[in-house]
Amino acid sequence: MTQPLVTAEQLAQLLAVGAARAAGQSIDPLPAVRLFTPDAHATWLLAAIDPADGDTAWGLIDLGIGMPALGTVRLSDLAGIVGPLQRPVLRDLYFHAVRPLSEYVVLAERDGSIAD
């Protein structure tokens, strides 16, 4: 059985941040979840989900090409991605954010990838 990309608790956190962003609040949230491809070096640190569709996530996206950036991705699209060895996108079961998203962005831009 495949693990869900986000847990119910993470989804609640992502939607709450998404609602705050939709309301125009300027916030610097902790990422709620880290998703990755075990065989393609792509990583997503997600901090919000658009409450209007419940699928469009926002966060730091690192596609493994040295250009991490803030952006959006649909969870439904991530669920269908597989890497070159046919491994699906996975949730990092051990990820716990240690800094706000803005600090992850600064470090990723400096290093060319998401370090932790």
PDB file of N, CA and C in Angstrom:
ATOM      1  N   MET A   1       0.838  -1.195   0.000  1.00  0.00           N
ATOM      2  CA  MET A   1       0.000   0.000   0.000  1.00  0.00           C
ATOM      3  C   MET A   1       0.879   1.253   0.000  1.00  0.00           C
ATOM      4  N   THR A   2       0.526   2.209  -0.822  1.00  0.00           N
ATOM      5  CA  THR A   2       1.284   3.442  -0.931  1.00  0.00           C
ATOM      6  C   THR A   2       0.871   4.411   0.170  1.00  0.00           C
ATOM      7  N   GLN A   3       1.848   5.071   0.749  1.00  0.00           N
ATOM      8  CA  GLN A   3       1.560   6.068   1.777  1.00  0.00           C
ATOM      9  C   GLN A   3       0.945   7.314   1.143  1.00  0.00           C
ATOM     10  N   PRO A   4       0.073   7.998   1.866  1.00  0.00           N
ATOM     11  CA  PRO A   4      -0.466   9.256   1.332  1.00  0.00           C
ATOM     12  C   PRO A   4       0.633  10.321   1.283  1.00  0.00           C
ATOM     13  N   LEU A   5       0.506  11.257   0.359  1.00  0.00           N
ATOM     14  CA  LEU A   5       1.507  12.313   0.264  1.00  0.00           C
ATOM     15  C   LEU A   5       1.494  13.231   1.481  1.00  0.00           C
ATOM     16  N   VAL A   6       0.324  13.446   2.060  1.00  0.00           N
ATOM     17  CA  VAL A   6       0.223  14.239   3.286  1.00  0.00           C
ATOM     18  C   VAL A   6      -0.715  13.537   4.261  1.00  0.00           C
ATOM     19  N   THR A   7      -0.415  13.683   5.538  1.00  0.00           N
ATOM     20  CA  THR A   7      -1.289  13.133   6.565  1.00  0.00           C
ATOM     21  C   THR A   7      -2.454  14.091   6.803  1.00  0.00           C
ATOM     22  N   ALA A   8      -3.446  13.643   7.534  1.00  0.00           N
ATOM     23  CA  ALA A   8      -4.585  14.514   7.864  1.00  0.00           C
ATOM     24  C   ALA A   8      -4.120  15.727   8.657  1.00  0.00           C
ATOM     25  N   GLU A   9      -3.196  15.527   9.564  1.00  0.00           N
ATOM     26  CA  GLU A   9      -2.669  16.640  10.369  1.00  0.00           C
ATOM     27  C   GLU A   9      -1.918  17.638   9.492  1.00  0.00           C
ATOM     28  N   GLN A  10      -1.093  17.139   8.594  1.00  0.00           N
ATOM     29  CA  GLN A  10      -0.361  18.019   7.678  1.00  0.00           C
ATOM     30  C   GLN A  10      -1.313  18.763   6.753  1.00  0.00           C
ATOM     31  N   LEU A  11      -2.337  18.071   6.270  1.00  0.00           N
ATOM     32  CA  LEU A  11      -3.322  18.714   5.397  1.00  0.00           C
ATOM     33  C   LEU A  11      -4.018  19.857   6.122  1.00  0.00           C
ATOM     34  N   ALA A  12      -4.383  19.655   7.376  1.00  0.00           N
ATOM     35  CA  ALA A  12      -5.028  20.718   8.159  1.00  0.00           C
ATOM     36  C   ALA A  12      -4.102  21.923   8.289  1.00  0.00           C
ATOM     37  N   GLN A  13      -2.812  21.680   8.561  1.00  0.00           N
ATOM     38  CA  GLN A  13      -1.841  22.768   8.679  1.00  0.00           C
ATOM     39  C   GLN A  13      -1.673  23.484   7.343  1.00  0.00           C
ATOM     40  N   LEU A  14      -1.545  22.725   6.257  1.00  0.00           N
ATOM     41  CA  LEU A  14      -1.385  23.306   4.932  1.00  0.00           C
ATOM     42  C   LEU A  14      -2.593  24.148   4.531  1.00  0.00           C
ATOM     43  N   LEU A  15      -3.780  23.668   4.828  1.00  0.00           N
ATOM     44  CA  LEU A  15      -4.997  24.420   4.498  1.00  0.00           C
ATOM     45  C   LEU A  15      -5.118  25.685   5.340  1.00  0.00           C
ATOM     46  N   ALA A  16      -4.725  25.617   6.620  1.00  0.00           N
ATOM     47  CA  ALA A  16      -4.784  26.803   7.480  1.00  0.00           C
ATOM     48  C   ALA A  16      -3.847  27.888   6.955  1.00  0.00           C
ATOM     49  N   VAL A  17      -2.649  27.504   6.566  1.00  0.00           N
ATOM     50  CA  VAL A  17      -1.708  28.479   6.002  1.00  0.00           C
ATOM     51  C   VAL A  17      -2.226  28.992   4.656  1.00  0.00           C
ATOM     52  N   GLY A  18      -2.806  28.097   3.865  1.00  0.00           N
ATOM     53  CA  GLY A  18      -3.385  28.513   2.586  1.00  0.00           C
ATOM     54  C   GLY A  18      -4.502  29.519   2.765  1.00  0.00           C
ATOM     55  N   ALA A  19      -5.329  29.311   3.774  1.00  0.00           N
ATOM     56  CA  ALA A  19      -6.418  30.257   4.054  1.00  0.00           C
ATOM     57  C   ALA A  19      -5.855  31.610   4.476  1.00  0.00           C
ATOM     58  N   ALA A  20      -4.810  31.601   5.284  1.00  0.00           N
ATOM     59  CA  ALA A  20      -4.192  32.856   5.719  1.00  0.00           C
ATOM     60  C   ALA A  20      -3.591  33.594   4.518  1.00  0.00           C
ATOM     61  N   ARG A  21      -2.938  32.854   3.633  1.00  0.00           N
ATOM     62  CA  ARG A  21      -2.375  33.476   2.425  1.00  0.00           C
ATOM     63  C   ARG A  21      -3.481  34.026   1.531  1.00  0.00           C
ATOM     64  N   ALA A  22      -4.580  33.270   1.389  1.00  0.00           N
ATOM     65  CA  ALA A  22      -5.704  33.708   0.552  1.00  0.00           C
ATOM     66  C   ALA A  22      -6.345  34.964   1.115  1.00  0.00           C
ATOM     67  N   ALA A  23      -6.276  35.113   2.446  1.00  0.00           N
ATOM     68  CA  ALA A  23      -6.841  36.295   3.098  1.00  0.00           C
ATOM     69  C   ALA A  23      -5.887  37.486   3.054  1.00  0.00           C
ATOM     70  N   GLY A  24      -4.725  37.297   2.436  1.00  0.00           N
ATOM     71  CA  GLY A  24      -3.781  38.398   2.280  1.00  0.00           C
ATOM     72  C   GLY A  24      -2.822  38.582   3.435  1.00  0.00           C
ATOM     73  N   GLN A  25      -2.797  37.633   4.361  1.00  0.00           N
ATOM     74  CA  GLN A  25      -1.878  37.754   5.487  1.00  0.00           C
ATOM     75  C   GLN A  25      -0.453  37.494   5.022  1.00  0.00           C
ATOM     76  N   SER A  26       0.472  38.301   5.498  1.00  0.00           N
ATOM     77  CA  SER A  26       1.883  38.110   5.190  1.00  0.00           C
ATOM     78  C   SER A  26       2.473  37.241   6.296  1.00  0.00           C
ATOM     79  N   ILE A  27       2.719  35.990   5.980  1.00  0.00           N
ATOM     80  CA  ILE A  27       3.220  35.052   6.983  1.00  0.00           C
ATOM     81  C   ILE A  27       4.431  34.322   6.429  1.00  0.00           C
ATOM     82  N   ASP A  28       5.239  33.796   7.340  1.00  0.00           N
ATOM     83  CA  ASP A  28       6.416  33.011   6.977  1.00  0.00           C
ATOM     84  C   ASP A  28       6.287  31.676   7.709  1.00  0.00           C
ATOM     85  N   PRO A  29       5.526  30.757   7.131  1.00  0.00           N
ATOM     86  CA  PRO A  29       5.202  29.524   7.838  1.00  0.00           C
ATOM     87  C   PRO A  29       6.347  28.515   7.856  1.00  0.00           C
ATOM     88  N   LEU A  30       6.240  27.571   8.764  1.00  0.00           N
ATOM     89  CA  LEU A  30       7.104  26.402   8.724  1.00  0.00           C
ATOM     90  C   LEU A  30       6.564  25.474   7.648  1.00  0.00           C
ATOM     91  N   PRO A  31       7.425  24.863   6.853  1.00  0.00           N
ATOM     92  CA  PRO A  31       6.929  23.847   5.924  1.00  0.00           C
ATOM     93  C   PRO A  31       6.267  22.716   6.715  1.00  0.00           C
ATOM     94  N   ALA A  32       5.188  22.187   6.187  1.00  0.00           N
ATOM     95  CA  ALA A  32       4.459  21.123   6.884  1.00  0.00           C
ATOM     96  C   ALA A  32       4.913  19.741   6.453  1.00  0.00           C
ATOM     97  N   VAL A  33       5.402  19.626   5.218  1.00  0.00           N
ATOM     98  CA  VAL A  33       5.740  18.307   4.688  1.00  0.00           C
ATOM     99  C   VAL A  33       6.873  18.422   3.671  1.00  0.00           C
ATOM    100  N   ARG A  34       7.704  17.392   3.647  1.00  0.00           N
ATOM    101  CA  ARG A  34       8.756  17.284   2.630  1.00  0.00           C
ATOM    102  C   ARG A  34       8.442  16.064   1.781  1.00  0.00           C
ATOM    103  N   LEU A  35       8.289  16.294   0.485  1.00  0.00           N
ATOM    104  CA  LEU A  35       8.069  15.215  -0.473  1.00  0.00           C
ATOM    105  C   LEU A  35       9.321  15.107  -1.336  1.00  0.00           C
ATOM    106  N   PHE A  36       9.594  13.906  -1.840  1.00  0.00           N
ATOM    107  CA  PHE A  36      10.797  13.717  -2.644  1.00  0.00           C
ATOM    108  C   PHE A  36      10.645  12.527  -3.573  1.00  0.00           C
ATOM    109  N   THR A  37      11.461  12.525  -4.612  1.00  0.00           N
ATOM    110  CA  THR A  37      11.567  11.366  -5.496  1.00  0.00           C
ATOM    111  C   THR A  37      12.846  10.643  -5.093  1.00  0.00           C
ATOM    112  N   PRO A  38      12.748   9.388  -4.682  1.00  0.00           N
ATOM    113  CA  PRO A  38      13.939   8.680  -4.218  1.00  0.00           C
ATOM    114  C   PRO A  38      14.943   8.383  -5.330  1.00  0.00           C
ATOM    115  N   ASP A  39      14.523   8.500  -6.577  1.00  0.00           N
ATOM    116  CA  ASP A  39      15.424   8.177  -7.677  1.00  0.00           C
ATOM    117  C   ASP A  39      15.576   9.296  -8.705  1.00  0.00           C
ATOM    118  N   ALA A  40      15.178  10.519  -8.361  1.00  0.00           N
ATOM    119  CA  ALA A  40      15.289  11.607  -9.334  1.00  0.00           C
ATOM    120  C   ALA A  40      15.733  12.938  -8.735  1.00  0.00           C
ATOM    121  N   HIS A  41      16.054  12.985  -7.454  1.00  0.00           N
ATOM    122  CA  HIS A  41      16.615  14.169  -6.801  1.00  0.00           C
ATOM    123  C   HIS A  41      15.696  15.384  -6.777  1.00  0.00           C
ATOM    124  N   ALA A  42      14.390  15.192  -6.868  1.00  0.00           N
ATOM    125  CA  ALA A  42      13.444  16.301  -6.751  1.00  0.00           C
ATOM    126  C   ALA A  42      12.894  16.331  -5.329  1.00  0.00           C
ATOM    127  N   THR A  43      12.678  17.545  -4.818  1.00  0.00           N
ATOM    128  CA  THR A  43      12.181  17.729  -3.453  1.00  0.00           C
ATOM    129  C   THR A  43      11.184  18.875  -3.429  1.00  0.00           C
ATOM    130  N   TRP A  44      10.139  18.719  -2.643  1.00  0.00           N
ATOM    131  CA  TRP A  44       9.144  19.763  -2.436  1.00  0.00           C
ATOM    132  C   TRP A  44       8.970  19.962  -0.940  1.00  0.00           C
ATOM    133  N   LEU A  45       9.218  21.186  -0.455  1.00  0.00           N
ATOM    134  CA  LEU A  45       8.910  21.558   0.930  1.00  0.00           C
ATOM    135  C   LEU A  45       7.638  22.382   0.876  1.00  0.00           C
ATOM    136  N   LEU A  46       6.539  21.782   1.265  1.00  0.00           N
ATOM    137  CA  LEU A  46       5.245  22.441   1.103  1.00  0.00           C
ATOM    138  C   LEU A  46       4.804  23.110   2.390  1.00  0.00           C
ATOM    139  N   ALA A  47       4.280  24.330   2.241  1.00  0.00           N
ATOM    140  CA  ALA A  47       3.873  25.123   3.395  1.00  0.00           C
ATOM    141  C   ALA A  47       2.397  25.495   3.372  1.00  0.00           C
ATOM    142  N   ALA A  48       1.726  25.375   2.224  1.00  0.00           N
ATOM    143  CA  ALA A  48       0.326  25.794   2.130  1.00  0.00           C
ATOM    144  C   ALA A  48      -0.376  25.030   1.019  1.00  0.00           C
ATOM    145  N   ILE A  49      -1.680  24.917   1.157  1.00  0.00           N
ATOM    146  CA  ILE A  49      -2.540  24.404   0.090  1.00  0.00           C
ATOM    147  C   ILE A  49      -3.673  25.396  -0.101  1.00  0.00           C
ATOM    148  N   ASP A  50      -3.967  25.696  -1.344  1.00  0.00           N
ATOM    149  CA  ASP A  50      -5.055  26.611  -1.680  1.00  0.00           C
ATOM    150  C   ASP A  50      -6.374  26.005  -1.198  1.00  0.00           C
ATOM    151  N   PRO A  51      -7.060  26.677  -0.276  1.00  0.00           N
ATOM    152  CA  PRO A  51      -8.318  26.125   0.232  1.00  0.00           C
ATOM    153  C   PRO A  51      -9.434  26.105  -0.818  1.00  0.00           C
ATOM    154  N   ALA A  52      -9.273  26.871  -1.900  1.00  0.00           N
ATOM    155  CA  ALA A  52     -10.305  26.903  -2.938  1.00  0.00           C
ATOM    156  C   ALA A  52     -10.391  25.583  -3.695  1.00  0.00           C
ATOM    157  N   ASP A  53      -9.224  24.922  -3.897  1.00  0.00           N
ATOM    158  CA  ASP A  53      -9.264  23.647  -4.630  1.00  0.00           C
ATOM    159  C   ASP A  53      -8.739  22.466  -3.813  1.00  0.00           C
ATOM    160  N   GLY A  54      -8.062  22.737  -2.694  1.00  0.00           N
ATOM    161  CA  GLY A  54      -7.562  21.662  -1.843  1.00  0.00           C
ATOM    162  C   GLY A  54      -6.502  20.802  -2.504  1.00  0.00           C
ATOM    163  N   ASP A  55      -5.927  21.264  -3.620  1.00  0.00           N
ATOM    164  CA  ASP A  55      -4.967  20.468  -4.368  1.00  0.00           C
ATOM    165  C   ASP A  55      -3.700  21.235  -4.731  1.00  0.00           C
ATOM    166  N   THR A  56      -3.803  22.535  -4.917  1.00  0.00           N
ATOM    167  CA  THR A  56      -2.653  23.342  -5.329  1.00  0.00           C
ATOM    168  C   THR A  56      -1.835  23.723  -4.104  1.00  0.00           C
ATOM    169  N   ALA A  57      -0.640  23.142  -4.026  1.00  0.00           N
ATOM    170  CA  ALA A  57       0.241  23.386  -2.887  1.00  0.00           C
ATOM    171  C   ALA A  57       1.278  24.442  -3.256  1.00  0.00           C
ATOM    172  N   TRP A  58       1.743  25.156  -2.234  1.00  0.00           N
ATOM    173  CA  TRP A  58       2.747  26.210  -2.404  1.00  0.00           C
ATOM    174  C   TRP A  58       3.909  25.920  -1.474  1.00  0.00           C
ATOM    175  N   GLY A  59       5.109  26.137  -1.983  1.00  0.00           N
ATOM    176  CA  GLY A  59       6.286  25.956  -1.149  1.00  0.00           C
ATOM    177  C   GLY A  59       7.551  26.059  -1.971  1.00  0.00           C
ATOM    178  N   LEU A  60       8.612  25.506  -1.428  1.00  0.00           N
ATOM    179  CA  LEU A  60       9.918  25.520  -2.067  1.00  0.00           C
ATOM    180  C   LEU A  60      10.059  24.266  -2.919  1.00  0.00           C
ATOM    181  N   ILE A  61      10.317  24.463  -4.201  1.00  0.00           N
ATOM    182  CA  ILE A  61      10.400  23.362  -5.156  1.00  0.00           C
ATOM    183  C   ILE A  61      11.826  23.258  -5.678  1.00  0.00           C
ATOM    184  N   ASP A  62      12.374  22.051  -5.578  1.00  0.00           N
ATOM    185  CA  ASP A  62      13.729  21.785  -6.048  1.00  0.00           C
ATOM    186  C   ASP A  62      13.652  20.584  -6.984  1.00  0.00           C
ATOM    187  N   LEU A  63      13.751  20.828  -8.277  1.00  0.00           N
ATOM    188  CA  LEU A  63      13.632  19.748  -9.258  1.00  0.00           C
ATOM    189  C   LEU A  63      14.958  19.051  -9.544  1.00  0.00           C
ATOM    190  N   GLY A  64      15.970  19.372  -8.732  1.00  0.00           N
ATOM    191  CA  GLY A  64      17.250  18.692  -8.864  1.00  0.00           C
ATOM    192  C   GLY A  64      18.139  19.223  -9.967  1.00  0.00           C
ATOM    193  N   ILE A  65      17.858  20.447 -10.430  1.00  0.00           N
ATOM    194  CA  ILE A  65      18.648  21.032 -11.515  1.00  0.00           C
ATOM    195  C   ILE A  65      19.396  22.285 -11.062  1.00  0.00           C
ATOM    196  N   GLY A  66      19.512  22.464  -9.731  1.00  0.00           N
ATOM    197  CA  GLY A  66      20.285  23.575  -9.194  1.00  0.00           C
ATOM    198  C   GLY A  66      19.572  24.906  -9.163  1.00  0.00           C
ATOM    199  N   MET A  67      18.236  24.894  -9.301  1.00  0.00           N
ATOM    200  CA  MET A  67      17.480  26.149  -9.321  1.00  0.00           C
ATOM    201  C   MET A  67      16.238  26.069  -8.423  1.00  0.00           C
ATOM    202  N   PRO A  68      16.398  25.840  -7.122  1.00  0.00           N
ATOM    203  CA  PRO A  68      15.223  25.780  -6.247  1.00  0.00           C
ATOM    204  C   PRO A  68      14.515  27.130  -6.204  1.00  0.00           C
ATOM    205  N   ALA A  69      13.187  27.096  -6.120  1.00  0.00           N
ATOM    206  CA  ALA A  69      12.414  28.338  -6.116  1.00  0.00           C
ATOM    207  C   ALA A  69      11.055  28.114  -5.471  1.00  0.00           C
ATOM    208  N   LEU A  70      10.478  29.192  -4.981  1.00  0.00           N
ATOM    209  CA  LEU A  70       9.107  29.130  -4.494  1.00  0.00           C
ATOM    210  C   LEU A  70       8.174  28.939  -5.677  1.00  0.00           C
ATOM    211  N   GLY A  71       7.145  28.146  -5.479  1.00  0.00           N
ATOM    212  CA  GLY A  71       6.200  27.931  -6.556  1.00  0.00           C
ATOM    213  C   GLY A  71       5.041  27.066  -6.104  1.00  0.00           C
ATOM    214  N   THR A  72       4.221  26.686  -7.060  1.00  0.00           N
ATOM    215  CA  THR A  72       3.058  25.852  -6.764  1.00  0.00           C
ATOM    216  C   THR A  72       3.124  24.553  -7.554  1.00  0.00           C
ATOM    217  N   VAL A  73       2.469  23.545  -6.997  1.00  0.00           N
ATOM    218  CA  VAL A  73       2.371  22.240  -7.629  1.00  0.00           C
ATOM    219  C   VAL A  73       1.074  21.597  -7.152  1.00  0.00           C
ATOM    220  N   ARG A  74       0.472  20.827  -8.006  1.00  0.00           N
ATOM    221  CA  ARG A  74      -0.767  20.135  -7.626  1.00  0.00           C
ATOM    222  C   ARG A  74      -0.408  18.779  -7.015  1.00  0.00           C
ATOM    223  N   LEU A  75      -0.966  18.506  -5.845  1.00  0.00           N
ATOM    224  CA  LEU A  75      -0.721  17.214  -5.212  1.00  0.00           C
ATOM    225  C   LEU A  75      -1.166  16.071  -6.125  1.00  0.00           C
ATOM    226  N   SER A  76      -2.249  16.284  -6.851  1.00  0.00           N
ATOM    227  CA  SER A  76      -2.728  15.243  -7.766  1.00  0.00           C
ATOM    228  C   SER A  76      -1.703  14.956  -8.856  1.00  0.00           C
ATOM    229  N   ASP A  77      -0.950  15.972  -9.284  1.00  0.00           N
ATOM    230  CA  ASP A  77       0.111  15.748 -10.267  1.00  0.00           C
ATOM    231  C   ASP A  77       1.278  14.984  -9.637  1.00  0.00           C
ATOM    232  N   LEU A  78       1.648  15.357  -8.416  1.00  0.00           N
ATOM    233  CA  LEU A  78       2.748  14.672  -7.732  1.00  0.00           C
ATOM    234  C   LEU A  78       2.428  13.196  -7.524  1.00  0.00           C
ATOM    235  N   ALA A  79       1.172  12.897  -7.267  1.00  0.00           N
ATOM    236  CA  ALA A  79       0.769  11.509  -7.014  1.00  0.00           C
ATOM    237  C   ALA A  79       1.005  10.619  -8.226  1.00  0.00           C
ATOM    238  N   GLY A  80       1.089  11.211  -9.409  1.00  0.00           N
ATOM    239  CA  GLY A  80       1.274  10.435 -10.620  1.00  0.00           C
ATOM    240  C   GLY A  80       2.701  10.397 -11.146  1.00  0.00           C
ATOM    241  N   ILE A  81       3.607  11.096 -10.479  1.00  0.00           N
ATOM    242  CA  ILE A  81       4.994  11.161 -10.943  1.00  0.00           C
ATOM    243  C   ILE A  81       5.769   9.932 -10.482  1.00  0.00           C
ATOM    244  N   VAL A  82       6.567   9.387 -11.377  1.00  0.00           N
ATOM    245  CA  VAL A  82       7.529   8.353 -11.006  1.00  0.00           C
ATOM    246  C   VAL A  82       8.886   8.733 -11.592  1.00  0.00           C
ATOM    247  N   GLY A  83       9.938   8.325 -10.901  1.00  0.00           N
ATOM    248  CA  GLY A  83      11.287   8.610 -11.365  1.00  0.00           C
ATOM    249  C   GLY A  83      11.751   7.585 -12.382  1.00  0.00           C
ATOM    250  N   PRO A  84      13.014   7.670 -12.780  1.00  0.00           N
ATOM    251  CA  PRO A  84      13.536   6.776 -13.812  1.00  0.00           C
ATOM    252  C   PRO A  84      13.500   5.296 -13.418  1.00  0.00           C
ATOM    253  N   LEU A  85      13.489   5.002 -12.136  1.00  0.00           N
ATOM    254  CA  LEU A  85      13.403   3.617 -11.673  1.00  0.00           C
ATOM    255  C   LEU A  85      11.982   3.246 -11.275  1.00  0.00           C
ATOM    256  N   GLN A  86      11.019   4.060 -11.739  1.00  0.00           N
ATOM    257  CA  GLN A  86       9.585   3.839 -11.486  1.00  0.00           C
ATOM    258  C   GLN A  86       9.206   3.951 -10.016  1.00  0.00           C
ATOM    259  N   ARG A  87       9.984   4.730  -9.244  1.00  0.00           N
ATOM    260  CA  ARG A  87       9.677   4.966  -7.834  1.00  0.00           C
ATOM    261  C   ARG A  87       8.788   6.201  -7.730  1.00  0.00           C
ATOM    262  N   PRO A  88       7.710   6.150  -6.970  1.00  0.00           N
ATOM    263  CA  PRO A  88       6.803   7.294  -6.845  1.00  0.00           C
ATOM    264  C   PRO A  88       7.345   8.366  -5.902  1.00  0.00           C
ATOM    265  N   VAL A  89       6.697   9.518  -5.923  1.00  0.00           N
ATOM    266  CA  VAL A  89       6.989  10.572  -4.960  1.00  0.00           C
ATOM    267  C   VAL A  89       6.611  10.043  -3.582  1.00  0.00           C
ATOM    268  N   LEU A  90       7.476  10.291  -2.609  1.00  0.00           N
ATOM    269  CA  LEU A  90       7.260   9.826  -1.239  1.00  0.00           C
ATOM    270  C   LEU A  90       7.253  10.993  -0.266  1.00  0.00           C
ATOM    271  N   ARG A  91       6.605  10.783   0.863  1.00  0.00           N
ATOM    272  CA  ARG A  91       6.636  11.743   1.972  1.00  0.00           C
ATOM    273  C   ARG A  91       7.784  11.353   2.892  1.00  0.00           C
ATOM    274  N   ASP A  92       8.584  12.334   3.284  1.00  0.00           N
ATOM    275  CA  ASP A  92       9.669  12.094   4.235  1.00  0.00           C
ATOM    276  C   ASP A  92       9.047  11.915   5.618  1.00  0.00           C
ATOM    277  N   LEU A  93       9.040  10.699   6.099  1.00  0.00           N
ATOM    278  CA  LEU A  93       8.397  10.380   7.373  1.00  0.00           C
ATOM    279  C   LEU A  93       9.109  11.007   8.563  1.00  0.00           C
ATOM    280  N   TYR A  94      10.356  11.421   8.377  1.00  0.00           N
ATOM    281  CA  TYR A  94      11.164  11.940   9.486  1.00  0.00           C
ATOM    282  C   TYR A  94      11.373  13.449   9.424  1.00  0.00           C
ATOM    283  N   PHE A  95      10.757  14.111   8.449  1.00  0.00           N
ATOM    284  CA  PHE A  95      10.945  15.559   8.307  1.00  0.00           C
ATOM    285  C   PHE A  95      10.186  16.319   9.382  1.00  0.00           C
ATOM    286  N   HIS A  96      10.894  17.221  10.037  1.00  0.00           N
ATOM    287  CA  HIS A  96      10.299  18.186  10.959  1.00  0.00           C
ATOM    288  C   HIS A  96      10.987  19.516  10.674  1.00  0.00           C
ATOM    289  N   ALA A  97      10.220  20.497  10.257  1.00  0.00           N
ATOM    290  CA  ALA A  97      10.785  21.798   9.913  1.00  0.00           C
ATOM    291  C   ALA A  97      11.517  22.392  11.114  1.00  0.00           C
ATOM    292  N   VAL A  98      12.694  22.924  10.856  1.00  0.00           N
ATOM    293  CA  VAL A  98      13.493  23.543  11.916  1.00  0.00           C
ATOM    294  C   VAL A  98      13.659  25.042  11.695  1.00  0.00           C
ATOM    295  N   ARG A  99      13.072  25.544  10.604  1.00  0.00           N
ATOM    296  CA  ARG A  99      13.163  26.978  10.312  1.00  0.00           C
ATOM    297  C   ARG A  99      11.980  27.367   9.445  1.00  0.00           C
ATOM    298  N   PRO A 100      11.637  28.656   9.409  1.00  0.00           N
ATOM    299  CA  PRO A 100      10.549  29.093   8.525  1.00  0.00           C
ATOM    300  C   PRO A 100      10.944  28.921   7.059  1.00  0.00           C
ATOM    301  N   LEU A 101       9.946  28.907   6.210  1.00  0.00           N
ATOM    302  CA  LEU A 101      10.148  28.675   4.786  1.00  0.00           C
ATOM    303  C   LEU A 101      11.158  29.646   4.183  1.00  0.00           C
ATOM    304  N   SER A 102      11.106  30.913   4.584  1.00  0.00           N
ATOM    305  CA  SER A 102      12.022  31.915   4.013  1.00  0.00           C
ATOM    306  C   SER A 102      13.478  31.531   4.239  1.00  0.00           C
ATOM    307  N   GLU A 103      13.781  30.926   5.369  1.00  0.00           N
ATOM    308  CA  GLU A 103      15.169  30.518   5.648  1.00  0.00           C
ATOM    309  C   GLU A 103      15.564  29.319   4.790  1.00  0.00           C
ATOM    310  N   TYR A 104      14.628  28.394   4.563  1.00  0.00           N
ATOM    311  CA  TYR A 104      14.912  27.292   3.643  1.00  0.00           C
ATOM    312  C   TYR A 104      15.198  27.826   2.240  1.00  0.00           C
ATOM    313  N   VAL A 105      14.452  28.849   1.830  1.00  0.00           N
ATOM    314  CA  VAL A 105      14.652  29.444   0.500  1.00  0.00           C
ATOM    315  C   VAL A 105      16.054  30.051   0.390  1.00  0.00           C
ATOM    316  N   VAL A 106      16.458  30.836   1.384  1.00  0.00           N
ATOM    317  CA  VAL A 106      17.782  31.471   1.359  1.00  0.00           C
ATOM    318  C   VAL A 106      18.882  30.410   1.267  1.00  0.00           C
ATOM    319  N   LEU A 107      18.785  29.378   2.089  1.00  0.00           N
ATOM    320  CA  LEU A 107      19.804  28.323   2.087  1.00  0.00           C
ATOM    321  C   LEU A 107      19.804  27.542   0.776  1.00  0.00           C
ATOM    322  N   ALA A 108      18.619  27.244   0.244  1.00  0.00           N
ATOM    323  CA  ALA A 108      18.534  26.493  -1.008  1.00  0.00           C
ATOM    324  C   ALA A 108      19.082  27.307  -2.179  1.00  0.00           C
ATOM    325  N   GLU A 109      18.803  28.601  -2.200  1.00  0.00           N
ATOM    326  CA  GLU A 109      19.338  29.447  -3.265  1.00  0.00           C
ATOM    327  C   GLU A 109      20.854  29.530  -3.163  1.00  0.00           C
ATOM    328  N   ARG A 110      21.363  29.607  -1.952  1.00  0.00           N
ATOM    329  CA  ARG A 110      22.815  29.667  -1.744  1.00  0.00           C
ATOM    330  C   ARG A 110      23.495  28.359  -2.172  1.00  0.00           C
ATOM    331  N   ASP A 111      22.870  27.231  -1.801  1.00  0.00           N
ATOM    332  CA  ASP A 111      23.476  25.913  -2.019  1.00  0.00           C
ATOM    333  C   ASP A 111      23.075  25.259  -3.339  1.00  0.00           C
ATOM    334  N   GLY A 112      22.042  25.771  -4.006  1.00  0.00           N
ATOM    335  CA  GLY A 112      21.584  25.179  -5.256  1.00  0.00           C
ATOM    336  C   GLY A 112      20.677  23.982  -5.068  1.00  0.00           C
ATOM    337  N   SER A 113      20.308  23.690  -3.826  1.00  0.00           N
ATOM    338  CA  SER A 113      19.390  22.589  -3.546  1.00  0.00           C
ATOM    339  C   SER A 113      18.881  22.694  -2.109  1.00  0.00           C
ATOM    340  N   ILE A 114      17.820  21.957  -1.811  1.00  0.00           N
ATOM    341  CA  ILE A 114      17.298  21.901  -0.453  1.00  0.00           C
ATOM    342  C   ILE A 114      18.176  20.934   0.330  1.00  0.00           C
ATOM    343  N   ALA A 115      18.772  21.441   1.408  1.00  0.00           N
ATOM    344  CA  ALA A 115      19.743  20.632   2.161  1.00  0.00           C
ATOM    345  C   ALA A 115      19.089  19.688   3.156  1.00  0.00           C
ATOM    346  N   ASP A 116      18.045  20.113   3.823  1.00  0.00           N
ATOM    347  CA  ASP A 116      17.416  19.216   4.821  1.00  0.00           C
ATOM    348  C   ASP A 116      15.919  19.323   4.794  1.00  0.00           C
TER     349      ASP A 116
END
